[in-house]
Amino acid sequence: MIRLVIADDHPIVRAGLTALFSLEDDFEVVAEAGTPDEAVALAERENPDVVLMDLQFGSQQEATGADATRRIRALEAPPYVLVLTNYDSDADILSAVEAGASGYLLKDAPPHELIAAVRAAAAGESALAPVIASRLLNRMRAPKISLSGREIQVLELVAAGRSNTEVAEELFVSETTVKSHLAHIFSKLNVTSRTAAVSAARRQGILR
């Protein structure tokens, strides 16, 4: 029996997923979480095999699914985490994979694909939606436009209108470090301004 925790901030999504897995003989949904913190607490308490994790929770939630994934994977006996989300930007994929997610699926995946992915995750295998696998392969084939996780974080904050000083404060680094990251970003994207960098990153699917 595969024990499952479902983490999503939409009750109707959790109910639909619970109903879907109840149709299978080898699944048991042991708990549902509506916030990243709840997901971590339930992962520790319920000892599931897999946590099905959304990436973005309600706007009042500062933590993300990637944050929760990192904390869950750091537990003493960590369950596997499978991301199920609407978002497919490089920044989202990279943050989830770097946090230790075993797989990454989009919410428009057919039910049979989702069920197969959870079984694969429970068996310790990776489970990536074809579009996600393709995106990661493209990153590997085109390293010249591959930004690091930290560079993507900097660019996301720039896209949100933060100044260099604000980016530095938020990431707990010096302003000089932020400027260095921006210089690398400009070089990789072949641009000369913050606005052009954000525009190029969105065009290439690096940012949402």
C-alpha atoms as a PDB file:
ATOM      1  CA  MET A   1       0.000   0.000   0.000  1.00  0.00           C
ATOM      2  CA  ILE A   2       1.363   3.427  -1.001  1.00  0.00           C
ATOM      3  CA  ARG A   3       0.664   5.977   1.728  1.00  0.00           C
ATOM      4  CA  LEU A   4       0.088   9.437   0.309  1.00  0.00           C
ATOM      5  CA  VAL A   5      -0.100  12.993   1.679  1.00  0.00           C
ATOM      6  CA  ILE A   6      -1.685  15.557  -0.670  1.00  0.00           C
ATOM      7  CA  ALA A   7      -0.505  19.169  -0.254  1.00  0.00           C
ATOM      8  CA  ASP A   8      -2.458  21.847  -2.133  1.00  0.00           C
ATOM      9  CA  ASP A   9      -4.117  25.071  -1.010  1.00  0.00           C
ATOM     10  CA  HIS A  10      -7.321  24.393  -2.987  1.00  0.00           C
ATOM     11  CA  PRO A  11      -9.753  22.080  -1.119  1.00  0.00           C
ATOM     12  CA  ILE A  12     -11.474  21.059  -4.360  1.00  0.00           C
ATOM     13  CA  VAL A  13      -8.140  19.948  -5.851  1.00  0.00           C
ATOM     14  CA  ARG A  14      -7.342  17.901  -2.737  1.00  0.00           C
ATOM     15  CA  ALA A  15     -10.828  16.337  -2.836  1.00  0.00           C
ATOM     16  CA  GLY A  16     -10.479  15.461  -6.513  1.00  0.00           C
ATOM     17  CA  LEU A  17      -7.060  13.874  -6.026  1.00  0.00           C
ATOM     18  CA  THR A  18      -8.253  11.942  -2.971  1.00  0.00           C
ATOM     19  CA  ALA A  19     -11.213  10.627  -4.992  1.00  0.00           C
ATOM     20  CA  LEU A  20      -8.916   9.649  -7.862  1.00  0.00           C
ATOM     21  CA  PHE A  21      -6.522   7.672  -5.668  1.00  0.00           C
ATOM     22  CA  SER A  22      -9.393   6.013  -3.762  1.00  0.00           C
ATOM     23  CA  LEU A  23     -10.258   4.201  -7.007  1.00  0.00           C
ATOM     24  CA  GLU A  24      -6.903   2.392  -6.892  1.00  0.00           C
ATOM     25  CA  ASP A  25      -6.354  -0.627  -4.637  1.00  0.00           C
ATOM     26  CA  ASP A  26      -2.735   0.181  -3.787  1.00  0.00           C
ATOM     27  CA  PHE A  27      -3.150   3.779  -2.534  1.00  0.00           C
ATOM     28  CA  GLU A  28      -4.190   5.274   0.787  1.00  0.00           C
ATOM     29  CA  VAL A  29      -4.437   9.053   1.237  1.00  0.00           C
ATOM     30  CA  VAL A  30      -3.435   9.391   4.891  1.00  0.00           C
ATOM     31  CA  ALA A  31      -3.640  13.201   5.183  1.00  0.00           C
ATOM     32  CA  GLU A  32      -4.234  16.465   3.323  1.00  0.00           C
ATOM     33  CA  ALA A  33      -2.283  19.709   3.813  1.00  0.00           C
ATOM     34  CA  GLY A  34      -3.365  23.225   2.859  1.00  0.00           C
ATOM     35  CA  THR A  35      -0.054  24.990   3.586  1.00  0.00           C
ATOM     36  CA  PRO A  36       3.662  24.216   3.177  1.00  0.00           C
ATOM     37  CA  ASP A  37       4.116  24.048   6.971  1.00  0.00           C
ATOM     38  CA  GLU A  38       1.241  21.575   7.302  1.00  0.00           C
ATOM     39  CA  ALA A  39       2.786  19.444   4.565  1.00  0.00           C
ATOM     40  CA  VAL A  40       6.076  19.222   6.469  1.00  0.00           C
ATOM     41  CA  ALA A  41       4.344  18.438   9.781  1.00  0.00           C
ATOM     42  CA  LEU A  42       2.173  15.729   8.204  1.00  0.00           C
ATOM     43  CA  ALA A  43       5.122  14.222   6.332  1.00  0.00           C
ATOM     44  CA  GLU A  44       6.871  13.821   9.675  1.00  0.00           C
ATOM     45  CA  ARG A  45       3.843  12.584  11.620  1.00  0.00           C
ATOM     46  CA  GLU A  46       2.092  10.306   9.121  1.00  0.00           C
ATOM     47  CA  ASN A  47       5.192   8.629   7.661  1.00  0.00           C
ATOM     48  CA  PRO A  48       3.848   8.576   4.070  1.00  0.00           C
ATOM     49  CA  ASP A  49       5.650   7.034   1.123  1.00  0.00           C
ATOM     50  CA  VAL A  50       4.998  10.023  -1.145  1.00  0.00           C
ATOM     51  CA  VAL A  51       3.955  13.656  -0.669  1.00  0.00           C
ATOM     52  CA  LEU A  52       2.128  15.099  -3.681  1.00  0.00           C
ATOM     53  CA  MET A  53       3.174  18.756  -3.526  1.00  0.00           C
ATOM     54  CA  ASP A  54       1.849  21.914  -5.167  1.00  0.00           C
ATOM     55  CA  LEU A  55       4.453  24.641  -5.740  1.00  0.00           C
ATOM     56  CA  GLN A  56       2.511  27.826  -5.075  1.00  0.00           C
ATOM     57  CA  PHE A  57       0.210  28.161  -2.076  1.00  0.00           C
ATOM     58  CA  GLY A  58      -2.045  31.122  -1.173  1.00  0.00           C
ATOM     59  CA  SER A  59      -0.589  34.618  -1.499  1.00  0.00           C
ATOM     60  CA  GLN A  60      -0.373  34.953   2.294  1.00  0.00           C
ATOM     61  CA  GLN A  61       2.030  31.999   2.370  1.00  0.00           C
ATOM     62  CA  GLU A  62       5.652  33.121   2.220  1.00  0.00           C
ATOM     63  CA  ALA A  63       6.903  29.531   1.995  1.00  0.00           C
ATOM     64  CA  THR A  64       6.566  27.643  -1.289  1.00  0.00           C
ATOM     65  CA  GLY A  65       6.214  24.008  -2.227  1.00  0.00           C
ATOM     66  CA  ALA A  66       9.933  23.962  -3.001  1.00  0.00           C
ATOM     67  CA  ASP A  67      10.686  25.188   0.536  1.00  0.00           C
ATOM     68  CA  ALA A  68       8.488  22.456   1.986  1.00  0.00           C
ATOM     69  CA  THR A  69      10.080  19.862  -0.305  1.00  0.00           C
ATOM     70  CA  ARG A  70      13.552  20.806   0.945  1.00  0.00           C
ATOM     71  CA  ARG A  71      12.442  20.498   4.580  1.00  0.00           C
ATOM     72  CA  ILE A  72      10.660  17.187   3.964  1.00  0.00           C
ATOM     73  CA  ARG A  73      13.669  15.677   2.216  1.00  0.00           C
ATOM     74  CA  ALA A  74      15.809  16.719   5.209  1.00  0.00           C
ATOM     75  CA  LEU A  75      13.684  14.652   7.633  1.00  0.00           C
ATOM     76  CA  GLU A  76      15.233  11.613   9.302  1.00  0.00           C
ATOM     77  CA  ALA A  77      13.160   9.162   7.239  1.00  0.00           C
ATOM     78  CA  PRO A  78      12.044  11.338   4.340  1.00  0.00           C
ATOM     79  CA  PRO A  79       9.202  10.385   2.010  1.00  0.00           C
ATOM     80  CA  TYR A  80       9.585  11.025  -1.698  1.00  0.00           C
ATOM     81  CA  VAL A  81       8.067  14.260  -3.009  1.00  0.00           C
ATOM     82  CA  LEU A  82       6.287  14.528  -6.344  1.00  0.00           C
ATOM     83  CA  VAL A  83       5.460  18.054  -7.513  1.00  0.00           C
ATOM     84  CA  LEU A  84       2.048  18.562  -9.132  1.00  0.00           C
ATOM     85  CA  THR A  85       1.614  22.156 -10.296  1.00  0.00           C
ATOM     86  CA  ASN A  86       0.348  24.535 -12.980  1.00  0.00           C
ATOM     87  CA  TYR A  87       3.766  26.133 -13.438  1.00  0.00           C
ATOM     88  CA  ASP A  88       6.410  25.019 -15.922  1.00  0.00           C
ATOM     89  CA  SER A  89       8.991  27.827 -15.973  1.00  0.00           C
ATOM     90  CA  ASP A  90      12.677  26.969 -15.645  1.00  0.00           C
ATOM     91  CA  ALA A  91      12.745  28.751 -12.287  1.00  0.00           C
ATOM     92  CA  ASP A  92       9.963  26.552 -10.885  1.00  0.00           C
ATOM     93  CA  ILE A  93      11.378  23.315 -12.274  1.00  0.00           C
ATOM     94  CA  LEU A  94      14.887  24.098 -11.083  1.00  0.00           C
ATOM     95  CA  SER A  95      13.766  25.095  -7.580  1.00  0.00           C
ATOM     96  CA  ALA A  96      11.804  21.849  -7.195  1.00  0.00           C
ATOM     97  CA  VAL A  97      14.546  19.588  -8.529  1.00  0.00           C
ATOM     98  CA  GLU A  98      17.214  21.335  -6.442  1.00  0.00           C
ATOM     99  CA  ALA A  99      14.976  20.936  -3.382  1.00  0.00           C
ATOM    100  CA  GLY A 100      14.960  17.169  -3.896  1.00  0.00           C
ATOM    101  CA  ALA A 101      11.679  16.446  -5.689  1.00  0.00           C
ATOM    102  CA  SER A 102      11.589  12.994  -7.298  1.00  0.00           C
ATOM    103  CA  GLY A 103       9.299  14.138 -10.071  1.00  0.00           C
ATOM    104  CA  TYR A 104       7.452  17.044 -11.614  1.00  0.00           C
ATOM    105  CA  LEU A 105       4.027  16.859 -13.254  1.00  0.00           C
ATOM    106  CA  LEU A 106       1.616  19.485 -14.511  1.00  0.00           C
ATOM    107  CA  LYS A 107      -2.001  19.538 -13.334  1.00  0.00           C
ATOM    108  CA  ASP A 108      -3.272  18.931 -16.860  1.00  0.00           C
ATOM    109  CA  ALA A 109      -1.621  15.483 -16.850  1.00  0.00           C
ATOM    110  CA  PRO A 110      -4.043  12.613 -17.558  1.00  0.00           C
ATOM    111  CA  PRO A 111      -5.034  10.640 -14.425  1.00  0.00           C
ATOM    112  CA  HIS A 112      -3.245   7.456 -15.535  1.00  0.00           C
ATOM    113  CA  GLU A 113      -0.008   9.418 -15.974  1.00  0.00           C
ATOM    114  CA  LEU A 114      -0.311  10.893 -12.485  1.00  0.00           C
ATOM    115  CA  ILE A 115      -1.006   7.504 -10.888  1.00  0.00           C
ATOM    116  CA  ALA A 116       1.947   5.944 -12.725  1.00  0.00           C
ATOM    117  CA  ALA A 117       4.179   8.836 -11.629  1.00  0.00           C
ATOM    118  CA  VAL A 118       3.245   8.407  -7.947  1.00  0.00           C
ATOM    119  CA  ARG A 119       3.947   4.665  -8.168  1.00  0.00           C
ATOM    120  CA  ALA A 120       7.312   5.438  -9.772  1.00  0.00           C
ATOM    121  CA  ALA A 121       8.137   8.001  -7.069  1.00  0.00           C
ATOM    122  CA  ALA A 122       7.196   5.517  -4.322  1.00  0.00           C
ATOM    123  CA  ALA A 123       9.610   3.039  -5.910  1.00  0.00           C
ATOM    124  CA  GLY A 124      12.392   5.624  -5.755  1.00  0.00           C
ATOM    125  CA  GLU A 125      12.328   6.394  -9.476  1.00  0.00           C
ATOM    126  CA  SER A 126      12.151   9.828 -11.077  1.00  0.00           C
ATOM    127  CA  ALA A 127       8.910  10.867 -12.746  1.00  0.00           C
ATOM    128  CA  LEU A 128       9.016  13.862 -15.055  1.00  0.00           C
ATOM    129  CA  ALA A 129       6.235  14.993 -17.371  1.00  0.00           C
ATOM    130  CA  PRO A 130       7.463  14.849 -21.002  1.00  0.00           C
ATOM    131  CA  VAL A 131       7.366  18.655 -21.339  1.00  0.00           C
ATOM    132  CA  ILE A 132       9.452  18.985 -18.141  1.00  0.00           C
ATOM    133  CA  ALA A 133      11.976  16.355 -19.224  1.00  0.00           C
ATOM    134  CA  SER A 134      12.270  18.155 -22.558  1.00  0.00           C
ATOM    135  CA  ARG A 135      12.843  21.497 -20.799  1.00  0.00           C
ATOM    136  CA  LEU A 136      15.611  20.030 -18.620  1.00  0.00           C
ATOM    137  CA  LEU A 137      17.258  18.402 -21.649  1.00  0.00           C
ATOM    138  CA  ASN A 138      17.175  21.727 -23.481  1.00  0.00           C
ATOM    139  CA  ARG A 139      18.899  23.380 -20.508  1.00  0.00           C
ATOM    140  CA  MET A 140      21.632  20.735 -20.659  1.00  0.00           C
ATOM    141  CA  ARG A 141      22.045  21.175 -24.417  1.00  0.00           C
ATOM    142  CA  ALA A 142      22.163  24.958 -24.179  1.00  0.00           C
ATOM    143  CA  PRO A 143      24.322  25.768 -21.148  1.00  0.00           C
ATOM    144  CA  LYS A 144      25.095  29.242 -22.533  1.00  0.00           C
ATOM    145  CA  ILE A 145      21.588  30.375 -21.529  1.00  0.00           C
ATOM    146  CA  SER A 146      21.404  28.263 -18.400  1.00  0.00           C
ATOM    147  CA  LEU A 147      21.151  30.448 -15.322  1.00  0.00           C
ATOM    148  CA  SER A 148      22.041  29.091 -11.891  1.00  0.00           C
ATOM    149  CA  GLY A 149      19.365  28.774  -9.212  1.00  0.00           C
ATOM    150  CA  ARG A 150      20.738  31.868  -7.448  1.00  0.00           C
ATOM    151  CA  GLU A 151      20.833  33.893 -10.672  1.00  0.00           C
ATOM    152  CA  ILE A 152      17.194  32.980 -11.307  1.00  0.00           C
ATOM    153  CA  GLN A 153      16.312  34.086  -7.762  1.00  0.00           C
ATOM    154  CA  VAL A 154      17.993  37.446  -8.386  1.00  0.00           C
ATOM    155  CA  LEU A 155      16.201  37.862 -11.713  1.00  0.00           C
ATOM    156  CA  GLU A 156      12.821  36.959 -10.185  1.00  0.00           C
ATOM    157  CA  LEU A 157      13.261  39.709  -7.601  1.00  0.00           C
ATOM    158  CA  VAL A 158      14.353  42.173 -10.283  1.00  0.00           C
ATOM    159  CA  ALA A 159      11.253  41.226 -12.293  1.00  0.00           C
ATOM    160  CA  ALA A 160       9.169  41.959  -9.183  1.00  0.00           C
ATOM    161  CA  GLY A 161      10.557  45.511  -9.169  1.00  0.00           C
ATOM    162  CA  ARG A 162      13.139  45.162  -6.395  1.00  0.00           C
ATOM    163  CA  SER A 163      16.222  47.411  -6.398  1.00  0.00           C
ATOM    164  CA  ASN A 164      19.723  45.944  -6.036  1.00  0.00           C
ATOM    165  CA  THR A 165      19.703  46.966  -2.369  1.00  0.00           C
ATOM    166  CA  GLU A 166      16.356  45.228  -1.775  1.00  0.00           C
ATOM    167  CA  VAL A 167      17.521  42.089  -3.614  1.00  0.00           C
ATOM    168  CA  ALA A 168      20.645  42.007  -1.438  1.00  0.00           C
ATOM    169  CA  GLU A 169      18.598  42.340   1.754  1.00  0.00           C
ATOM    170  CA  GLU A 170      16.128  39.648   0.719  1.00  0.00           C
ATOM    171  CA  LEU A 171      18.823  37.130  -0.239  1.00  0.00           C
ATOM    172  CA  PHE A 172      21.145  38.034   2.682  1.00  0.00           C
ATOM    173  CA  VAL A 173      24.061  38.882   0.383  1.00  0.00           C
ATOM    174  CA  SER A 174      25.990  42.079  -0.327  1.00  0.00           C
ATOM    175  CA  GLU A 175      24.961  44.540  -3.024  1.00  0.00           C
ATOM    176  CA  THR A 176      28.280  43.818  -4.740  1.00  0.00           C
ATOM    177  CA  THR A 177      27.297  40.145  -4.978  1.00  0.00           C
ATOM    178  CA  VAL A 178      23.950  41.104  -6.534  1.00  0.00           C
ATOM    179  CA  LYS A 179      25.724  43.278  -9.106  1.00  0.00           C
ATOM    180  CA  SER A 180      28.061  40.369  -9.875  1.00  0.00           C
ATOM    181  CA  HIS A 181      25.082  38.034 -10.410  1.00  0.00           C
ATOM    182  CA  LEU A 182      23.445  40.611 -12.688  1.00  0.00           C
ATOM    183  CA  ALA A 183      26.658  40.954 -14.718  1.00  0.00           C
ATOM    184  CA  HIS A 184      26.694  37.174 -15.259  1.00  0.00           C
ATOM    185  CA  ILE A 185      22.983  37.190 -16.136  1.00  0.00           C
ATOM    186  CA  PHE A 186      23.458  40.012 -18.678  1.00  0.00           C
ATOM    187  CA  SER A 187      26.369  38.135 -20.238  1.00  0.00           C
ATOM    188  CA  LYS A 188      24.489  34.830 -20.487  1.00  0.00           C
ATOM    189  CA  LEU A 189      21.348  36.430 -21.927  1.00  0.00           C
ATOM    190  CA  ASN A 190      23.348  38.812 -24.162  1.00  0.00           C
ATOM    191  CA  VAL A 191      21.568  41.914 -22.838  1.00  0.00           C
ATOM    192  CA  THR A 192      22.689  45.192 -21.257  1.00  0.00           C
ATOM    193  CA  SER A 193      19.869  46.151 -18.897  1.00  0.00           C
ATOM    194  CA  ARG A 194      17.677  44.742 -16.140  1.00  0.00           C
ATOM    195  CA  THR A 195      14.516  45.249 -18.220  1.00  0.00           C
ATOM    196  CA  ALA A 196      16.015  43.461 -21.226  1.00  0.00           C
ATOM    197  CA  ALA A 197      17.197  40.605 -18.988  1.00  0.00           C
ATOM    198  CA  VAL A 198      13.716  40.069 -17.559  1.00  0.00           C
ATOM    199  CA  SER A 199      12.174  40.235 -21.042  1.00  0.00           C
ATOM    200  CA  ALA A 200      14.710  37.752 -22.486  1.00  0.00           C
ATOM    201  CA  ALA A 201      14.283  35.367 -19.540  1.00  0.00           C
ATOM    202  CA  ARG A 202      10.497  35.358 -19.951  1.00  0.00           C
ATOM    203  CA  ARG A 203      10.789  34.819 -23.687  1.00  0.00           C
ATOM    204  CA  GLN A 204      13.060  31.798 -23.138  1.00  0.00           C
ATOM    205  CA  GLY A 205      10.816  30.318 -20.418  1.00  0.00           C
ATOM    206  CA  ILE A 206      13.364  30.894 -17.644  1.00  0.00           C
ATOM    207  CA  LEU A 207      10.918  33.118 -15.753  1.00  0.00           C
ATOM    208  CA  ARG A 208       7.155  32.840 -15.500  1.00  0.00           C
END
